[in-house]
Full PDB file with SEQRES, HELIX, SHEET, SSBOND, CRYST1, ORIGX, SCALE, CONECT and MASTER records, all heavy atoms in Angstrom:
SEQRES   1 A   37  GLU PHE VAL ILE GLY ILE ASN GLU ARG ASP ILE PHE ARG          
SEQRES   2 A   37  HIS LYS ASP ALA GLU GLY ASN TRP SER GLY LYS ASP ILE          
SEQRES   3 A   37  LYS LEU ILE GLU ALA VAL PHE ARG ARG THR PRO                  
HELIX    1 AA1 LYS A   24  ARG A   34  1                                  11    
SHEET    1 AA1 2 HIS A  14  LYS A  15  0                                        
SHEET    2 AA1 2 TRP A  21  SER A  22 -1                                        
CRYST1    1.000    1.000    1.000  90.00  90.00  90.00 P 1           1          
ORIGX1      1.000000  0.000000  0.000000        0.00000                         
ORIGX2      0.000000  1.000000  0.000000        0.00000                         
ORIGX3      0.000000  0.000000  1.000000        0.00000                         
SCALE1      1.000000  0.000000  0.000000        0.00000                         
SCALE2      0.000000  1.000000  0.000000        0.00000                         
SCALE3      0.000000  0.000000  1.000000        0.00000                         
ATOM      1  N   GLU A   1      25.419 160.608-116.343  1.00  0.00           N  
ATOM      2  CA  GLU A   1      26.440 159.819-117.051  1.00  0.00           C  
ATOM      3  C   GLU A   1      27.724 159.761-116.158  1.00  0.00           C  
ATOM      4  O   GLU A   1      28.250 160.794-115.897  1.00  0.00           O  
ATOM      5  CB  GLU A   1      26.715 160.301-118.396  1.00  0.00           C  
ATOM      6  CG  GLU A   1      27.771 159.409-119.127  1.00  0.00           C  
ATOM      7  CD  GLU A   1      28.175 160.068-120.466  1.00  0.00           C  
ATOM      8  OE1 GLU A   1      28.871 161.157-120.473  1.00  0.00           O  
ATOM      9  OE2 GLU A   1      27.887 159.418-121.458  1.00  0.00           O  
ATOM     10  N   PHE A   2      28.121 158.616-115.761  1.00  0.00           N  
ATOM     11  CA  PHE A   2      29.294 158.486-114.948  1.00  0.00           C  
ATOM     12  C   PHE A   2      30.540 158.278-115.861  1.00  0.00           C  
ATOM     13  O   PHE A   2      30.562 157.399-116.720  1.00  0.00           O  
ATOM     14  CB  PHE A   2      29.215 157.268-114.031  1.00  0.00           C  
ATOM     15  CG  PHE A   2      28.386 157.580-112.763  1.00  0.00           C  
ATOM     16  CD1 PHE A   2      26.981 157.589-112.919  1.00  0.00           C  
ATOM     17  CD2 PHE A   2      29.008 157.763-111.564  1.00  0.00           C  
ATOM     18  CE1 PHE A   2      26.221 157.885-111.749  1.00  0.00           C  
ATOM     19  CE2 PHE A   2      28.241 158.036-110.425  1.00  0.00           C  
ATOM     20  CZ  PHE A   2      26.876 158.091-110.501  1.00  0.00           C  
ATOM     21  N   VAL A   3      31.565 159.110-115.651  1.00  0.00           N  
ATOM     22  CA  VAL A   3      32.790 158.988-116.351  1.00  0.00           C  
ATOM     23  C   VAL A   3      33.716 158.095-115.525  1.00  0.00           C  
ATOM     24  O   VAL A   3      34.048 158.386-114.413  1.00  0.00           O  
ATOM     25  CB  VAL A   3      33.456 160.350-116.592  1.00  0.00           C  
ATOM     26  CG1 VAL A   3      34.801 160.173-117.295  1.00  0.00           C  
ATOM     27  CG2 VAL A   3      32.534 161.288-117.338  1.00  0.00           C  
ATOM     28  N   ILE A   4      34.077 156.906-116.101  1.00  0.00           N  
ATOM     29  CA  ILE A   4      34.872 155.944-115.479  1.00  0.00           C  
ATOM     30  C   ILE A   4      36.289 156.009-115.995  1.00  0.00           C  
ATOM     31  O   ILE A   4      36.536 155.800-117.197  1.00  0.00           O  
ATOM     32  CB  ILE A   4      34.332 154.523-115.664  1.00  0.00           C  
ATOM     33  CG1 ILE A   4      32.835 154.482-115.366  1.00  0.00           C  
ATOM     34  CG2 ILE A   4      35.102 153.504-114.807  1.00  0.00           C  
ATOM     35  CD1 ILE A   4      32.210 153.129-115.696  1.00  0.00           C  
ATOM     36  N   GLY A   5      37.253 156.276-115.138  1.00  0.00           N  
ATOM     37  CA  GLY A   5      38.663 156.354-115.539  1.00  0.00           C  
ATOM     38  C   GLY A   5      39.304 154.961-115.154  1.00  0.00           C  
ATOM     39  O   GLY A   5      39.205 154.490-114.088  1.00  0.00           O  
ATOM     40  N   ILE A   6      39.896 154.308-116.132  1.00  0.00           N  
ATOM     41  CA  ILE A   6      40.567 153.058-115.929  1.00  0.00           C  
ATOM     42  C   ILE A   6      41.864 152.922-116.667  1.00  0.00           C  
ATOM     43  O   ILE A   6      42.080 153.544-117.718  1.00  0.00           O  
ATOM     44  CB  ILE A   6      39.689 151.807-116.313  1.00  0.00           C  
ATOM     45  CG1 ILE A   6      39.242 151.887-117.790  1.00  0.00           C  
ATOM     46  CG2 ILE A   6      38.443 151.721-115.401  1.00  0.00           C  
ATOM     47  CD1 ILE A   6      38.494 150.706-118.245  1.00  0.00           C  
ATOM     48  N   ASN A   7      42.817 152.224-116.045  1.00  0.00           N  
ATOM     49  CA  ASN A   7      44.067 151.902-116.757  1.00  0.00           C  
ATOM     50  C   ASN A   7      43.897 150.531-117.475  1.00  0.00           C  
ATOM     51  O   ASN A   7      43.333 149.618-116.884  1.00  0.00           O  
ATOM     52  CB  ASN A   7      45.287 151.845-115.763  1.00  0.00           C  
ATOM     53  CG  ASN A   7      45.082 150.858-114.672  1.00  0.00           C  
ATOM     54  OD1 ASN A   7      43.923 150.659-114.145  1.00  0.00           O  
ATOM     55  ND2 ASN A   7      46.064 150.163-114.215  1.00  0.00           N  
ATOM     56  N   GLU A   8      44.341 150.381-118.654  1.00  0.00           N  
ATOM     57  CA  GLU A   8      44.185 149.170-119.381  1.00  0.00           C  
ATOM     58  C   GLU A   8      45.050 148.062-118.749  1.00  0.00           C  
ATOM     59  O   GLU A   8      46.200 148.222-118.427  1.00  0.00           O  
ATOM     60  CB  GLU A   8      44.568 149.351-120.884  1.00  0.00           C  
ATOM     61  CG  GLU A   8      43.627 150.268-121.602  1.00  0.00           C  
ATOM     62  CD  GLU A   8      43.821 150.220-123.117  1.00  0.00           C  
ATOM     63  OE1 GLU A   8      43.736 149.133-123.669  1.00  0.00           O  
ATOM     64  OE2 GLU A   8      44.074 151.291-123.654  1.00  0.00           O  
ATOM     65  N   ARG A   9      44.493 146.856-118.695  1.00  0.00           N  
ATOM     66  CA  ARG A   9      45.070 145.676-118.220  1.00  0.00           C  
ATOM     67  C   ARG A   9      44.609 144.450-119.023  1.00  0.00           C  
ATOM     68  O   ARG A   9      43.405 144.365-119.259  1.00  0.00           O  
ATOM     69  CB  ARG A   9      44.844 145.430-116.693  1.00  0.00           C  
ATOM     70  CG  ARG A   9      45.488 146.488-115.802  1.00  0.00           C  
ATOM     71  CD  ARG A   9      45.124 146.183-114.349  1.00  0.00           C  
ATOM     72  NE  ARG A   9      45.573 144.911-113.912  1.00  0.00           N  
ATOM     73  CZ  ARG A   9      45.285 144.380-112.717  1.00  0.00           C  
ATOM     74  NH1 ARG A   9      44.589 145.076-111.830  1.00  0.00           N  
ATOM     75  NH2 ARG A   9      45.760 143.176-112.404  1.00  0.00           N  
ATOM     76  N   ASP A  10      45.576 143.583-119.394  1.00  0.00           N  
ATOM     77  CA  ASP A  10      45.131 142.323-120.059  1.00  0.00           C  
ATOM     78  C   ASP A  10      44.149 141.572-119.276  1.00  0.00           C  
ATOM     79  O   ASP A  10      44.246 141.516-118.042  1.00  0.00           O  
ATOM     80  CB  ASP A  10      46.355 141.511-120.455  1.00  0.00           C  
ATOM     81  CG  ASP A  10      47.177 142.129-121.592  1.00  0.00           C  
ATOM     82  OD1 ASP A  10      46.539 142.773-122.441  1.00  0.00           O  
ATOM     83  OD2 ASP A  10      48.357 142.004-121.585  1.00  0.00           O  
ATOM     84  N   ILE A  11      43.205 140.958-119.938  1.00  0.00           N  
ATOM     85  CA  ILE A  11      42.143 140.098-119.344  1.00  0.00           C  
ATOM     86  C   ILE A  11      41.107 140.973-118.633  1.00  0.00           C  
ATOM     87  O   ILE A  11      39.901 140.810-118.812  1.00  0.00           O  
ATOM     88  CB  ILE A  11      42.675 139.061-118.397  1.00  0.00           C  
ATOM     89  CG1 ILE A  11      43.681 138.121-119.084  1.00  0.00           C  
ATOM     90  CG2 ILE A  11      41.574 138.248-117.758  1.00  0.00           C  
ATOM     91  CD1 ILE A  11      44.245 137.029-118.191  1.00  0.00           C  
ATOM     92  N   PHE A  12      41.522 141.864-117.760  1.00  0.00           N  
ATOM     93  CA  PHE A  12      40.556 142.622-116.997  1.00  0.00           C  
ATOM     94  C   PHE A  12      39.855 143.779-117.697  1.00  0.00           C  
ATOM     95  O   PHE A  12      38.683 143.909-117.717  1.00  0.00           O  
ATOM     96  CB  PHE A  12      41.223 143.239-115.700  1.00  0.00           C  
ATOM     97  CG  PHE A  12      41.579 142.125-114.736  1.00  0.00           C  
ATOM     98  CD1 PHE A  12      42.904 141.873-114.465  1.00  0.00           C  
ATOM     99  CD2 PHE A  12      40.630 141.414-114.081  1.00  0.00           C  
ATOM    100  CE1 PHE A  12      43.228 140.907-113.570  1.00  0.00           C  
ATOM    101  CE2 PHE A  12      40.968 140.422-113.187  1.00  0.00           C  
ATOM    102  CZ  PHE A  12      42.287 140.124-112.871  1.00  0.00           C  
ATOM    103  N   ARG A  13      40.637 144.559-118.451  1.00  0.00           N  
ATOM    104  CA  ARG A  13      40.067 145.714-119.171  1.00  0.00           C  
ATOM    105  C   ARG A  13      41.024 146.217-120.220  1.00  0.00           C  
ATOM    106  O   ARG A  13      42.073 146.753-119.895  1.00  0.00           O  
ATOM    107  CB  ARG A  13      39.749 146.809-118.195  1.00  0.00           C  
ATOM    108  CG  ARG A  13      40.823 147.106-117.089  1.00  0.00           C  
ATOM    109  CD  ARG A  13      40.321 148.075-116.078  1.00  0.00           C  
ATOM    110  NE  ARG A  13      41.394 148.476-115.200  1.00  0.00           N  
ATOM    111  CZ  ARG A  13      41.634 148.000-113.976  1.00  0.00           C  
ATOM    112  NH1 ARG A  13      40.854 147.118-113.495  1.00  0.00           N  
ATOM    113  NH2 ARG A  13      42.644 148.483-113.238  1.00  0.00           N  
ATOM    114  N   HIS A  14      40.659 146.000-121.497  1.00  0.00           N  
ATOM    115  CA  HIS A  14      41.529 146.364-122.591  1.00  0.00           C  
ATOM    116  C   HIS A  14      40.686 146.552-123.857  1.00  0.00           C  
ATOM    117  O   HIS A  14      39.485 146.175-123.903  1.00  0.00           O  
ATOM    118  CB  HIS A  14      42.566 145.262-122.831  1.00  0.00           C  
ATOM    119  CG  HIS A  14      41.928 143.876-123.073  1.00  0.00           C  
ATOM    120  ND1 HIS A  14      41.640 143.496-124.370  1.00  0.00           N  
ATOM    121  CD2 HIS A  14      41.567 142.882-122.274  1.00  0.00           C  
ATOM    122  CE1 HIS A  14      41.128 142.298-124.317  1.00  0.00           C  
ATOM    123  NE2 HIS A  14      40.987 141.887-123.080  1.00  0.00           N  
ATOM    124  N   LYS A  15      41.263 147.136-124.810  1.00  0.00           N  
ATOM    125  CA  LYS A  15      40.556 147.334-126.119  1.00  0.00           C  
ATOM    126  C   LYS A  15      40.959 146.198-127.054  1.00  0.00           C  
ATOM    127  O   LYS A  15      42.137 145.860-127.205  1.00  0.00           O  
ATOM    128  CB  LYS A  15      40.887 148.699-126.689  1.00  0.00           C  
ATOM    129  CG  LYS A  15      40.231 149.842-125.941  1.00  0.00           C  
ATOM    130  CD  LYS A  15      40.435 151.130-126.644  1.00  0.00           C  
ATOM    131  CE  LYS A  15      39.708 152.267-125.921  1.00  0.00           C  
ATOM    132  NZ  LYS A  15      39.837 153.605-126.642  1.00  0.00           N  
ATOM    133  N   ASP A  16      39.892 145.643-127.749  1.00  0.00           N  
ATOM    134  CA  ASP A  16      40.141 144.561-128.718  1.00  0.00           C  
ATOM    135  C   ASP A  16      40.624 145.182-130.077  1.00  0.00           C  
ATOM    136  O   ASP A  16      40.838 146.319-130.228  1.00  0.00           O  
ATOM    137  CB  ASP A  16      38.888 143.757-128.861  1.00  0.00           C  
ATOM    138  CG  ASP A  16      37.679 144.497-129.390  1.00  0.00           C  
ATOM    139  OD1 ASP A  16      37.864 145.586-129.994  1.00  0.00           O  
ATOM    140  OD2 ASP A  16      36.539 144.044-129.148  1.00  0.00           O  
ATOM    141  N   ALA A  17      40.770 144.256-131.021  1.00  0.00           N  
ATOM    142  CA  ALA A  17      41.307 144.658-132.283  1.00  0.00           C  
ATOM    143  C   ALA A  17      40.396 145.730-133.007  1.00  0.00           C  
ATOM    144  O   ALA A  17      40.893 146.555-133.775  1.00  0.00           O  
ATOM    145  CB  ALA A  17      41.390 143.461-133.254  1.00  0.00           C  
ATOM    146  N   GLU A  18      39.085 145.698-132.657  1.00  0.00           N  
ATOM    147  CA  GLU A  18      38.233 146.741-133.298  1.00  0.00           C  
ATOM    148  C   GLU A  18      38.145 147.983-132.405  1.00  0.00           C  
ATOM    149  O   GLU A  18      37.424 148.933-132.819  1.00  0.00           O  
ATOM    150  CB  GLU A  18      36.750 146.112-133.404  1.00  0.00           C  
ATOM    151  CG  GLU A  18      36.629 145.067-134.463  1.00  0.00           C  
ATOM    152  CD  GLU A  18      37.270 143.761-134.131  1.00  0.00           C  
ATOM    153  OE1 GLU A  18      37.093 143.345-132.952  1.00  0.00           O  
ATOM    154  OE2 GLU A  18      37.902 143.159-134.996  1.00  0.00           O  
ATOM    155  N   GLY A  19      38.902 148.055-131.347  1.00  0.00           N  
ATOM    156  CA  GLY A  19      38.876 149.217-130.521  1.00  0.00           C  
ATOM    157  C   GLY A  19      37.801 149.311-129.513  1.00  0.00           C  
ATOM    158  O   GLY A  19      37.524 150.338-128.859  1.00  0.00           O  
ATOM    159  N   ASN A  20      37.117 148.143-129.291  1.00  0.00           N  
ATOM    160  CA  ASN A  20      36.022 148.101-128.333  1.00  0.00           C  
ATOM    161  C   ASN A  20      36.593 147.594-127.013  1.00  0.00           C  
ATOM    162  O   ASN A  20      37.516 146.762-126.952  1.00  0.00           O  
ATOM    163  CB  ASN A  20      34.912 147.132-128.786  1.00  0.00           C  
ATOM    164  CG  ASN A  20      34.321 147.614-130.077  1.00  0.00           C  
ATOM    165  OD1 ASN A  20      33.956 148.746-130.241  1.00  0.00           O  
ATOM    166  ND2 ASN A  20      34.158 146.710-131.031  1.00  0.00           N  
ATOM    167  N   TRP A  21      36.028 148.100-125.932  1.00  0.00           N  
ATOM    168  CA  TRP A  21      36.450 147.655-124.572  1.00  0.00           C  
ATOM    169  C   TRP A  21      36.035 146.167-124.361  1.00  0.00           C  
ATOM    170  O   TRP A  21      34.944 145.801-124.673  1.00  0.00           O  
ATOM    171  CB  TRP A  21      35.877 148.546-123.504  1.00  0.00           C  
ATOM    172  CG  TRP A  21      36.515 149.861-123.360  1.00  0.00           C  
ATOM    173  CD1 TRP A  21      36.103 151.063-123.823  1.00  0.00           C  
ATOM    174  CD2 TRP A  21      37.812 150.063-122.756  1.00  0.00           C  
ATOM    175  NE1 TRP A  21      37.012 152.066-123.547  1.00  0.00           N  
ATOM    176  CE2 TRP A  21      38.059 151.485-122.878  1.00  0.00           C  
ATOM    177  CE3 TRP A  21      38.719 149.262-122.123  1.00  0.00           C  
ATOM    178  CZ2 TRP A  21      39.192 152.066-122.346  1.00  0.00           C  
ATOM    179  CZ3 TRP A  21      39.913 149.905-121.590  1.00  0.00           C  
ATOM    180  CH2 TRP A  21      40.153 151.253-121.737  1.00  0.00           C  
ATOM    181  N   SER A  22      36.947 145.490-123.740  1.00  0.00           N  
ATOM    182  CA  SER A  22      36.749 144.028-123.515  1.00  0.00           C  
ATOM    183  C   SER A  22      37.357 143.640-122.180  1.00  0.00           C  
ATOM    184  O   SER A  22      38.210 144.403-121.626  1.00  0.00           O  
ATOM    185  CB  SER A  22      37.321 143.228-124.628  1.00  0.00           C  
ATOM    186  OG  SER A  22      37.035 141.836-124.456  1.00  0.00           O  
ATOM    187  N   GLY A  23      37.022 142.484-121.632  1.00  0.00           N  
ATOM    188  CA  GLY A  23      37.657 141.941-120.428  1.00  0.00           C  
ATOM    189  C   GLY A  23      36.644 141.750-119.312  1.00  0.00           C  
ATOM    190  O   GLY A  23      35.544 142.175-119.379  1.00  0.00           O  
ATOM    191  N   LYS A  24      37.139 141.156-118.265  1.00  0.00           N  
ATOM    192  CA  LYS A  24      36.317 140.779-117.084  1.00  0.00           C  
ATOM    193  C   LYS A  24      35.725 141.974-116.424  1.00  0.00           C  
ATOM    194  O   LYS A  24      34.517 142.055-116.108  1.00  0.00           O  
ATOM    195  CB  LYS A  24      37.147 139.979-116.083  1.00  0.00           C  
ATOM    196  CG  LYS A  24      36.346 139.549-114.875  1.00  0.00           C  
ATOM    197  CD  LYS A  24      37.211 138.611-113.996  1.00  0.00           C  
ATOM    198  CE  LYS A  24      36.339 138.118-112.776  1.00  0.00           C  
ATOM    199  NZ  LYS A  24      37.098 137.188-111.921  1.00  0.00           N  
ATOM    200  N   ASP A  25      36.540 143.007-116.161  1.00  0.00           N  
ATOM    201  CA  ASP A  25      36.025 144.242-115.490  1.00  0.00           C  
ATOM    202  C   ASP A  25      34.946 144.952-116.322  1.00  0.00           C  
ATOM    203  O   ASP A  25      33.998 145.489-115.823  1.00  0.00           O  
ATOM    204  CB  ASP A  25      37.145 145.216-115.198  1.00  0.00           C  
ATOM    205  CG  ASP A  25      37.977 144.720-113.995  1.00  0.00           C  
ATOM    206  OD1 ASP A  25      37.603 143.751-113.346  1.00  0.00           O  
ATOM    207  OD2 ASP A  25      39.030 145.378-113.776  1.00  0.00           O  
ATOM    208  N   ILE A  26      35.139 144.919-117.664  1.00  0.00           N  
ATOM    209  CA  ILE A  26      34.165 145.521-118.546  1.00  0.00           C  
ATOM    210  C   ILE A  26      32.828 144.832-118.498  1.00  0.00           C  
ATOM    211  O   ILE A  26      31.697 145.466-118.419  1.00  0.00           O  
ATOM    212  CB  ILE A  26      34.673 145.571-120.016  1.00  0.00           C  
ATOM    213  CG1 ILE A  26      36.002 146.306-120.098  1.00  0.00           C  
ATOM    214  CG2 ILE A  26      33.650 146.228-120.883  1.00  0.00           C  
ATOM    215  CD1 ILE A  26      36.064 147.661-119.531  1.00  0.00           C  
ATOM    216  N   LYS A  27      32.858 143.513-118.469  1.00  0.00           N  
ATOM    217  CA  LYS A  27      31.576 142.710-118.264  1.00  0.00           C  
ATOM    218  C   LYS A  27      30.940 143.036-116.946  1.00  0.00           C  
ATOM    219  O   LYS A  27      29.762 143.130-116.882  1.00  0.00           O  
ATOM    220  CB  LYS A  27      31.950 141.222-118.320  1.00  0.00           C  
ATOM    221  CG  LYS A  27      32.348 140.679-119.697  1.00  0.00           C  
ATOM    222  CD  LYS A  27      31.120 140.542-120.649  1.00  0.00           C  
ATOM    223  CE  LYS A  27      31.562 139.816-121.938  1.00  0.00           C  
ATOM    224  NZ  LYS A  27      30.424 139.752-122.897  1.00  0.00           N  
ATOM    225  N   LEU A  28      31.763 143.156-115.938  1.00  0.00           N  
ATOM    226  CA  LEU A  28      31.196 143.467-114.595  1.00  0.00           C  
ATOM    227  C   LEU A  28      30.666 144.878-114.551  1.00  0.00           C  
ATOM    228  O   LEU A  28      29.576 145.109-113.949  1.00  0.00           O  
ATOM    229  CB  LEU A  28      32.282 143.306-113.509  1.00  0.00           C  
ATOM    230  CG  LEU A  28      32.747 141.886-113.257  1.00  0.00           C  
ATOM    231  CD1 LEU A  28      33.936 141.880-112.296  1.00  0.00           C  
ATOM    232  CD2 LEU A  28      31.602 141.025-112.693  1.00  0.00           C  
ATOM    233  N   ILE A  29      31.328 145.862-115.175  1.00  0.00           N  
ATOM    234  CA  ILE A  29      30.782 147.241-115.270  1.00  0.00           C  
ATOM    235  C   ILE A  29      29.394 147.254-115.937  1.00  0.00           C  
ATOM    236  O   ILE A  29      28.482 147.872-115.456  1.00  0.00           O  
ATOM    237  CB  ILE A  29      31.769 148.120-116.033  1.00  0.00           C  
ATOM    238  CG1 ILE A  29      32.975 148.397-115.232  1.00  0.00           C  
ATOM    239  CG2 ILE A  29      31.102 149.450-116.411  1.00  0.00           C  
ATOM    240  CD1 ILE A  29      34.140 149.084-116.009  1.00  0.00           C  
ATOM    241  N   GLU A  30      29.332 146.483-117.072  1.00  0.00           N  
ATOM    242  CA  GLU A  30      28.061 146.400-117.767  1.00  0.00           C  
ATOM    243  C   GLU A  30      26.975 145.852-116.871  1.00  0.00           C  
ATOM    244  O   GLU A  30      25.816 146.350-116.822  1.00  0.00           O  
ATOM    245  CB  GLU A  30      28.202 145.553-118.995  1.00  0.00           C  
ATOM    246  CG  GLU A  30      29.048 146.200-120.115  1.00  0.00           C  
ATOM    247  CD  GLU A  30      29.413 145.178-121.212  1.00  0.00           C  
ATOM    248  OE1 GLU A  30      29.029 144.014-121.091  1.00  0.00           O  
ATOM    249  OE2 GLU A  30      30.027 145.644-122.192  1.00  0.00           O  
ATOM    250  N   ALA A  31      27.299 144.773-116.159  1.00  0.00           N  
ATOM    251  CA  ALA A  31      26.335 144.084-115.275  1.00  0.00           C  
ATOM    252  C   ALA A  31      25.893 145.026-114.102  1.00  0.00           C  
ATOM    253  O   ALA A  31      24.716 144.983-113.714  1.00  0.00           O  
ATOM    254  CB  ALA A  31      26.934 142.823-114.763  1.00  0.00           C  
ATOM    255  N   VAL A  32      26.841 145.788-113.609  1.00  0.00           N  
ATOM    256  CA  VAL A  32      26.488 146.692-112.466  1.00  0.00           C  
ATOM    257  C   VAL A  32      25.573 147.834-112.966  1.00  0.00           C  
ATOM    258  O   VAL A  32      24.531 148.080-112.352  1.00  0.00           O  
ATOM    259  CB  VAL A  32      27.747 147.271-111.839  1.00  0.00           C  
ATOM    260  CG1 VAL A  32      27.432 148.421-110.890  1.00  0.00           C  
ATOM    261  CG2 VAL A  32      28.560 146.180-111.105  1.00  0.00           C  
ATOM    262  N   PHE A  33      25.913 148.415-114.077  1.00  0.00           N  
ATOM    263  CA  PHE A  33      25.126 149.598-114.567  1.00  0.00           C  
ATOM    264  C   PHE A  33      23.784 149.120-115.013  1.00  0.00           C  
ATOM    265  O   PHE A  33      22.846 149.967-115.007  1.00  0.00           O  
ATOM    266  CB  PHE A  33      25.878 150.346-115.639  1.00  0.00           C  
ATOM    267  CG  PHE A  33      26.815 151.392-115.092  1.00  0.00           C  
ATOM    268  CD1 PHE A  33      28.063 151.064-114.659  1.00  0.00           C  
ATOM    269  CD2 PHE A  33      26.371 152.678-114.997  1.00  0.00           C  
ATOM    270  CE1 PHE A  33      28.911 152.066-114.178  1.00  0.00           C  
ATOM    271  CE2 PHE A  33      27.152 153.679-114.497  1.00  0.00           C  
ATOM    272  CZ  PHE A  33      28.458 153.391-114.109  1.00  0.00           C  
ATOM    273  N   ARG A  34      23.585 147.934-115.465  1.00  0.00           N  
ATOM    274  CA  ARG A  34      22.234 147.434-115.839  1.00  0.00           C  
ATOM    275  C   ARG A  34      21.306 147.475-114.596  1.00  0.00           C  
ATOM    276  O   ARG A  34      20.128 147.535-114.768  1.00  0.00           O  
ATOM    277  CB  ARG A  34      22.319 146.014-116.352  1.00  0.00           C  
ATOM    278  CG  ARG A  34      22.759 145.854-117.786  1.00  0.00           C  
ATOM    279  CD  ARG A  34      22.238 144.520-118.392  1.00  0.00           C  
ATOM    280  NE  ARG A  34      22.367 143.411-117.526  1.00  0.00           N  
ATOM    281  CZ  ARG A  34      23.507 142.636-117.455  1.00  0.00           C  
ATOM    282  NH1 ARG A  34      24.483 142.886-118.219  1.00  0.00           N  
ATOM    283  NH2 ARG A  34      23.513 141.591-116.624  1.00  0.00           N  
ATOM    284  N   ARG A  35      21.852 147.444-113.470  1.00  0.00           N  
ATOM    285  CA  ARG A  35      21.135 147.401-112.191  1.00  0.00           C  
ATOM    286  C   ARG A  35      21.010 148.831-111.542  1.00  0.00           C  
ATOM    287  O   ARG A  35      20.649 148.927-110.378  1.00  0.00           O  
ATOM    288  CB  ARG A  35      21.796 146.437-111.214  1.00  0.00           C  
ATOM    289  CG  ARG A  35      21.623 144.975-111.650  1.00  0.00           C  
ATOM    290  CD  ARG A  35      22.533 144.068-110.830  1.00  0.00           C  
ATOM    291  NE  ARG A  35      22.211 142.629-111.071  1.00  0.00           N  
ATOM    292  CZ  ARG A  35      22.594 141.843-112.085  1.00  0.00           C  
ATOM    293  NH1 ARG A  35      23.440 142.449-112.969  1.00  0.00           N  
ATOM    294  NH2 ARG A  35      22.276 140.666-112.187  1.00  0.00           N  
ATOM    295  N   THR A  36      21.365 149.816-112.348  1.00  0.00           N  
ATOM    296  CA  THR A  36      21.233 151.218-111.853  1.00  0.00           C  
ATOM    297  C   THR A  36      20.492 152.019-112.940  1.00  0.00           C  
ATOM    298  O   THR A  36      20.288 151.538-114.059  1.00  0.00           O  
ATOM    299  CB  THR A  36      22.661 151.880-111.671  1.00  0.00           C  
ATOM    300  OG1 THR A  36      23.161 152.223-112.928  1.00  0.00           O  
ATOM    301  CG2 THR A  36      23.584 150.986-110.901  1.00  0.00           C  
ATOM    302  N   PRO A  37      20.021 153.246-112.592  1.00  0.00           N  
ATOM    303  CA  PRO A  37      19.426 154.094-113.606  1.00  0.00           C  
ATOM    304  C   PRO A  37      20.411 154.925-114.381  1.00  0.00           C  
ATOM    305  O   PRO A  37      19.980 155.777-115.146  1.00  0.00           O  
ATOM    306  CB  PRO A  37      18.505 154.991-112.767  1.00  0.00           C  
ATOM    307  CG  PRO A  37      19.239 155.144-111.502  1.00  0.00           C  
ATOM    308  CD  PRO A  37      19.936 153.830-111.215  1.00  0.00           C  
TER     309      PRO A  37                                                      
MASTER        0    0    0    1    2    0    0    6  308    1    0    3          
END                                                                             
């Protein structure tokens, strides 16, 4: 399990109203990890 440290930034990586991670970088992180074990 990789621990990813990130600073919050609007649009790129931030928590939404429900406290879930959102943004362009988060979508990219998900897409990258889907291609790894």
